[in-house]
N, C-alpha and C. Protein backbone atom coordinates (compact mmCIF):
# COMPACT_ATOMS: atom_id res chain seq x y z
N MET A 1 1.47 -0.45 -5.28
CA MET A 1 2.42 -0.05 -4.75
C MET A 1 3.30 -0.88 -5.66
N GLU A 2 4.60 -0.49 -5.44
CA GLU A 2 5.49 -1.05 -6.54
C GLU A 2 7.01 -0.57 -5.57
N GLN A 3 7.76 -1.87 -5.62
CA GLN A 3 8.67 -2.09 -4.99
C GLN A 3 9.80 -1.85 -5.20
N VAL A 4 10.63 -1.03 -4.65
CA VAL A 4 12.53 -0.56 -5.59
C VAL A 4 13.51 -0.87 -4.56
N LYS A 5 14.12 -1.13 -5.07
CA LYS A 5 15.61 -1.61 -4.13
C LYS A 5 16.34 -0.41 -4.09
N PHE A 6 16.63 0.41 -3.31
CA PHE A 6 17.57 0.82 -3.50
C PHE A 6 19.74 1.02 -3.37
N LYS A 7 20.14 1.35 -3.93
CA LYS A 7 21.86 1.74 -3.08
C LYS A 7 21.69 2.79 -2.40
N ILE A 8 22.64 2.48 -1.33
CA ILE A 8 22.76 3.63 -0.94
C ILE A 8 24.50 3.79 -0.67
N GLU A 9 24.83 5.06 -0.12
CA GLU A 9 26.69 5.04 -0.33
C GLU A 9 26.36 5.89 0.74
N GLY A 10 27.21 5.73 1.71
CA GLY A 10 28.09 6.73 3.03
C GLY A 10 27.49 5.82 3.90
N MET A 11 26.62 4.42 4.22
CA MET A 11 25.98 3.98 5.52
C MET A 11 27.73 3.28 5.43
N THR A 12 27.11 3.01 7.16
CA THR A 12 28.47 2.56 7.97
C THR A 12 28.45 1.98 9.18
N CYS A 13 26.84 2.20 9.56
CA CYS A 13 26.69 1.61 11.21
C CYS A 13 25.32 1.71 11.53
N HIS A 14 24.82 0.82 12.49
CA HIS A 14 23.47 0.64 12.84
C HIS A 14 22.84 2.29 12.69
N HIS A 15 23.88 3.20 13.29
CA HIS A 15 22.99 4.52 13.22
C HIS A 15 22.54 4.69 12.35
N CYS A 16 23.07 4.58 10.97
CA CYS A 16 22.99 5.17 9.62
C CYS A 16 21.51 4.09 9.23
N VAL A 17 21.46 2.89 9.86
CA VAL A 17 20.66 2.07 9.34
C VAL A 17 19.75 2.88 9.85
N MET A 18 19.03 2.94 10.83
CA MET A 18 18.12 3.62 11.70
C MET A 18 17.78 4.91 11.45
N ALA A 19 18.86 5.84 10.92
CA ALA A 19 18.42 7.15 10.55
C ALA A 19 17.52 6.98 9.44
N VAL A 20 17.98 6.25 8.14
CA VAL A 20 17.03 6.01 7.12
C VAL A 20 15.67 5.60 7.35
N THR A 21 15.78 4.13 7.99
CA THR A 21 14.99 3.81 8.39
C THR A 21 13.71 4.81 8.82
N ASN A 22 14.13 5.45 9.57
CA ASN A 22 13.26 6.59 10.47
C ASN A 22 12.70 7.00 9.71
N ARG A 23 13.29 7.60 8.38
CA ARG A 23 13.13 8.86 7.35
C ARG A 23 12.30 8.12 6.59
N LEU A 24 12.42 7.08 5.89
CA LEU A 24 12.06 6.87 5.23
C LEU A 24 10.50 6.29 5.72
N ALA A 25 10.11 5.97 6.99
CA ALA A 25 8.72 5.56 7.57
C ALA A 25 8.49 6.69 7.58
N LYS A 26 8.94 8.11 7.39
CA LYS A 26 7.99 9.15 7.68
C LYS A 26 7.43 9.48 6.40
N THR A 27 8.21 9.12 5.05
CA THR A 27 7.90 9.79 3.48
C THR A 27 6.14 9.21 3.09
N PRO A 28 5.53 9.88 2.69
CA PRO A 28 4.02 9.48 2.35
C PRO A 28 4.11 8.91 1.72
N GLY A 29 3.67 7.69 1.38
CA GLY A 29 3.33 6.84 0.17
C GLY A 29 4.31 5.70 0.25
N VAL A 30 5.28 5.40 1.28
CA VAL A 30 6.28 4.87 1.27
C VAL A 30 6.00 3.83 2.36
N LYS A 31 6.09 2.67 2.13
CA LYS A 31 6.30 1.12 3.37
C LYS A 31 7.61 0.45 3.22
N VAL A 32 8.70 0.85 4.13
CA VAL A 32 9.94 0.09 4.60
C VAL A 32 9.95 -1.15 4.81
N ASP A 33 9.91 -2.41 3.68
CA ASP A 33 10.44 -3.45 3.60
C ASP A 33 11.77 -3.80 4.49
N GLU A 34 12.66 -3.55 4.19
CA GLU A 34 13.90 -3.55 4.38
C GLU A 34 15.03 -2.57 4.71
N VAL A 35 16.04 -2.26 5.82
CA VAL A 35 17.33 -1.02 5.52
C VAL A 35 18.16 -1.96 6.12
N GLN A 36 19.39 -1.95 5.09
CA GLN A 36 20.67 -2.46 5.78
C GLN A 36 21.72 -1.42 5.28
N ILE A 37 23.02 -1.70 6.06
CA ILE A 37 23.81 -1.13 5.32
C ILE A 37 24.66 -1.14 4.36
N GLY A 38 24.03 -0.10 3.44
CA GLY A 38 24.18 0.09 1.76
C GLY A 38 22.96 -0.30 0.72
N SER A 39 21.60 -0.14 1.41
CA SER A 39 21.05 -1.03 0.85
C SER A 39 19.38 -0.46 1.66
N ALA A 40 18.21 -0.07 0.28
CA ALA A 40 16.75 -0.13 1.06
C ALA A 40 16.43 -1.39 0.60
N VAL A 41 15.52 -1.81 0.45
CA VAL A 41 13.87 -1.75 0.09
C VAL A 41 12.52 -1.70 0.42
N ILE A 42 11.90 -1.00 -0.62
CA ILE A 42 10.94 -0.54 0.04
C ILE A 42 9.79 -0.62 -0.99
N HIS A 43 8.71 -0.54 -0.56
CA HIS A 43 7.20 -0.22 -1.61
C HIS A 43 6.60 1.31 -1.55
N HIS A 44 6.54 1.81 -2.48
CA HIS A 44 6.16 3.56 -2.66
C HIS A 44 4.94 3.21 -3.64
N ASP A 45 4.09 3.63 -3.16
CA ASP A 45 2.65 4.77 -4.32
C ASP A 45 3.41 5.83 -4.66
N PRO A 46 3.82 5.39 -6.27
CA PRO A 46 4.32 6.45 -7.30
C PRO A 46 3.58 7.34 -7.61
N ALA A 47 2.43 7.70 -7.42
CA ALA A 47 1.64 8.76 -7.41
C ALA A 47 1.40 9.65 -6.04
N VAL A 48 2.18 9.31 -5.13
CA VAL A 48 2.67 9.96 -4.09
C VAL A 48 3.80 10.42 -3.81
N ALA A 49 4.67 9.29 -3.40
CA ALA A 49 5.91 9.27 -3.33
C ALA A 49 7.20 9.12 -4.78
N THR A 50 7.32 9.60 -5.47
CA THR A 50 8.17 9.20 -6.52
C THR A 50 9.69 9.29 -6.23
N ILE A 51 10.67 7.94 -7.28
CA ILE A 51 11.64 8.03 -6.63
C ILE A 51 12.75 8.72 -6.35
N ASP A 52 12.48 9.87 -6.98
CA ASP A 52 13.26 11.39 -6.94
C ASP A 52 13.04 11.85 -5.29
N GLN A 53 11.94 11.95 -4.78
CA GLN A 53 11.47 12.54 -3.47
C GLN A 53 12.28 11.76 -2.67
N ILE A 54 11.77 10.10 -2.34
CA ILE A 54 12.38 9.05 -1.89
C ILE A 54 14.18 9.24 -1.74
N GLU A 55 14.81 9.24 -3.28
CA GLU A 55 16.24 9.72 -3.16
C GLU A 55 16.19 11.28 -2.38
N GLU A 56 15.31 12.29 -2.41
CA GLU A 56 16.11 13.76 -1.60
C GLU A 56 15.89 12.92 -0.15
N ALA A 57 14.67 12.43 0.16
CA ALA A 57 14.20 11.96 1.64
C ALA A 57 15.36 11.28 2.45
N ILE A 58 15.98 9.90 1.45
CA ILE A 58 17.86 9.55 2.07
C ILE A 58 18.57 10.70 2.16
N ALA A 59 18.62 11.68 1.07
CA ALA A 59 19.96 12.93 1.06
C ALA A 59 19.76 13.62 2.47
N ASP A 60 18.58 14.11 2.72
CA ASP A 60 17.99 14.43 3.75
C ASP A 60 19.17 13.82 5.27
N GLU A 61 19.37 12.38 5.18
CA GLU A 61 20.01 11.99 6.40
C GLU A 61 21.78 12.30 5.94
N GLY A 62 21.72 12.36 4.54
CA GLY A 62 23.57 12.69 4.60
C GLY A 62 23.99 11.41 3.74
N TYR A 63 23.24 10.85 2.79
CA TYR A 63 23.50 9.33 1.92
C TYR A 63 22.78 9.77 0.84
N THR A 64 23.72 9.20 -0.46
CA THR A 64 23.57 9.17 -1.39
C THR A 64 22.65 7.74 -1.70
N ALA A 65 21.87 8.15 -2.58
CA ALA A 65 20.82 6.65 -2.84
C ALA A 65 20.35 6.88 -4.01
N PHE A 66 20.18 5.94 -5.27
CA PHE A 66 19.96 5.45 -6.62
C PHE A 66 19.37 4.16 -6.45
N PRO A 67 18.51 3.63 -7.30
CA PRO A 67 17.62 2.35 -7.72
C PRO A 67 18.87 1.45 -7.45
N ALA A 68 18.71 0.16 -7.56
CA ALA A 68 19.65 -0.85 -7.75
C ALA A 68 19.24 -1.26 -8.76
């Protein structure tokens, strides 16, 4: 498992944090360490969940993410 920190644009409240946390928790190969307004720290198995797939999962919730 590799650790990655993401910067996430568009998050403004606790609801945003919960939406991203729940979506990442449902993503195979991803373990959520911490989500805060504007960022997330996760561990992922690159063979199961690529950075692009993780960014897409966050985008599904309406936010823009990229590795910090």
